[in-house]
Amino acid sequence: MPQLTFLGAAGTVSGSRHLLEVNGRQVLFDCGLFQGERSLRRRNWKPLGVPPQGLDAVILTHGHIDHSGWLPRLAKEGFQGPIYTTAPTADLLGLLLYDSAKCQMEDAAYANRKGFSKHHPALPLYEDADVARVLQQLRVVQREGWFEPCAGVRCRLHDAGHMLGSSYVEVEAAREQVRPLRLIFSGDVGRYDAPLYNDPLPPPACDVLVCESTYGDRDHPDVDPLSELERLVNEAVDRGGLLLAASFAVGRTQQLVYLLRILIAAGRIPELPIWIDSPMAVEATRVFRKHAEEHDLSEAHDAGVAESLKAPWVRMSKTPNESKAINREEGPGIVIASSGMMTGGRILHHLKRRLSDPKTTVLVTGFQPKGTRGRSLLDGAATLRIHGRDVPVQAAVRRLDGLSGHADRREMVRWLADLPQPERVFLVHGETSSARGMARQFQEAFGWQAEIPGLGDSYSLR
């Protein structure tokens, strides 16, 4: 009988890895990096739990590192099989994985300089050559069409609305003398009416549902991101300085440009100089434009804006010199730079120069975990330590809600509203409190009993 083992994202929101075994064949659904606290990151150095050489295939729901970032390590340890995903995800994966490899190599170099590693020399989790190997193993499949990653397993991808190229996976697993077992692996489910992305498609009937629970115990603020961005930009213009938007390079940056394009075209904000100051964001924007058929441009159509992702007035700062040239600007204007949590990247150089200027506005555009500079700013820090120096915080710090890529508690219920009751429901990709909250919500809304697996837990599926 089919066997399901949770090798990651069990009791935490990162490291998504779910193993399905069918008649001696093994398929891994997602292969993510553990992120967050040190105890979680250390798990990245542990073996997968099964020999990588024995895996027949990997099915990748989307490109975010907590779902894809362990693929180079998997290849490094001997996996040589195919990795199935959508065309947009395949195009984004090189950007994301090479950036992750760069971080791994920089961390190892830093550990060697400081001498705090237990290993001598400290080695990176993986390198560029491992990423190159992964990219050769990619196999692009179209959504809504069945494919067979190995004997006894059929899969079909459906739009999950979470980011460009994201999908959830419908699976049929062969069983002796009875119909195939039907499973759904949700990956990350997106929001309804989110700028740029389609609504998640409702899932087909299944026997087993493996469902994310990131926001299982709470709901997002009920705000209109377009109107909120309008208010914040006009406030920054009145202040007279630059607005520094700390943004994730893939997804969030493109949403911001899209919304700013609509606001300028509608005359709701003045026509401002806007810089995308991130080499990865520049390349990701090209990928977004390449896959225009993936976009929901409802807001642009309603505003009468055509070619809403083609904004010639947006200045792409790819080289260091182009980035440094922004230092000469006085504002008003908008700089969109990574990283979104202010843990590194070019946003730090802009903050170091302008954070002590009361005319500056710092816009936080995503979730900020404890311990990040973004969280410190939101918590009212008087200074921010950047490149070894404490920089006074005189700038206005503002937060833009409404752009989360994850469905909240209410939206998950909406997504599953027409789904006949599965025989088993497993909640993953959430902290324990979130998973428990999602279980309570499913019980109240549907009368379902959901299970919350632990790391390494394995279940026989009859």
Foldseek 3Di string as FASTA:
>chain_A
DKKKWFQDQFQAQFQGWIWIAAPQAIEIEFGAAQDDDPVRNVCLPPDSQDQLCRHLEYEAQAQDRSRHQSQLLSVVRPHQHAYEFAPLRLLLNLLVNQVVQVVQQVVQVVCQVVVPDPDVRRDGSGHPVSSVSNSVRYDHDDAPDWDDSDPQKIKHWFFQQLAVRGTKIWMFGDDPPDGTAIEIENNFHFADPFAWAHHGAFDAAGQEYAAELAQQQDAFDPDDLLVVVLVVLVVLVVLWFEEEEADALGGGVQSVQLSVLLCCLLVSHDDAQEEEAEQSSVSNLVSCVVPVVRTDNPSCVVSVHPPSSDDVSYHYHNDPVSLVVCVPDGDDHYYYWDDLLQPDGDSLVVCQSPQQPQSYEYEREDDHDPPTQNVCVVVPPQWGQGPNDTHGGNYHYYYRTDNRSGHHNVRVCVSHVPHDAHNAYEYGSYNPVSSVSNQVSCCVSPVDHYHRDHNGDMDDDD
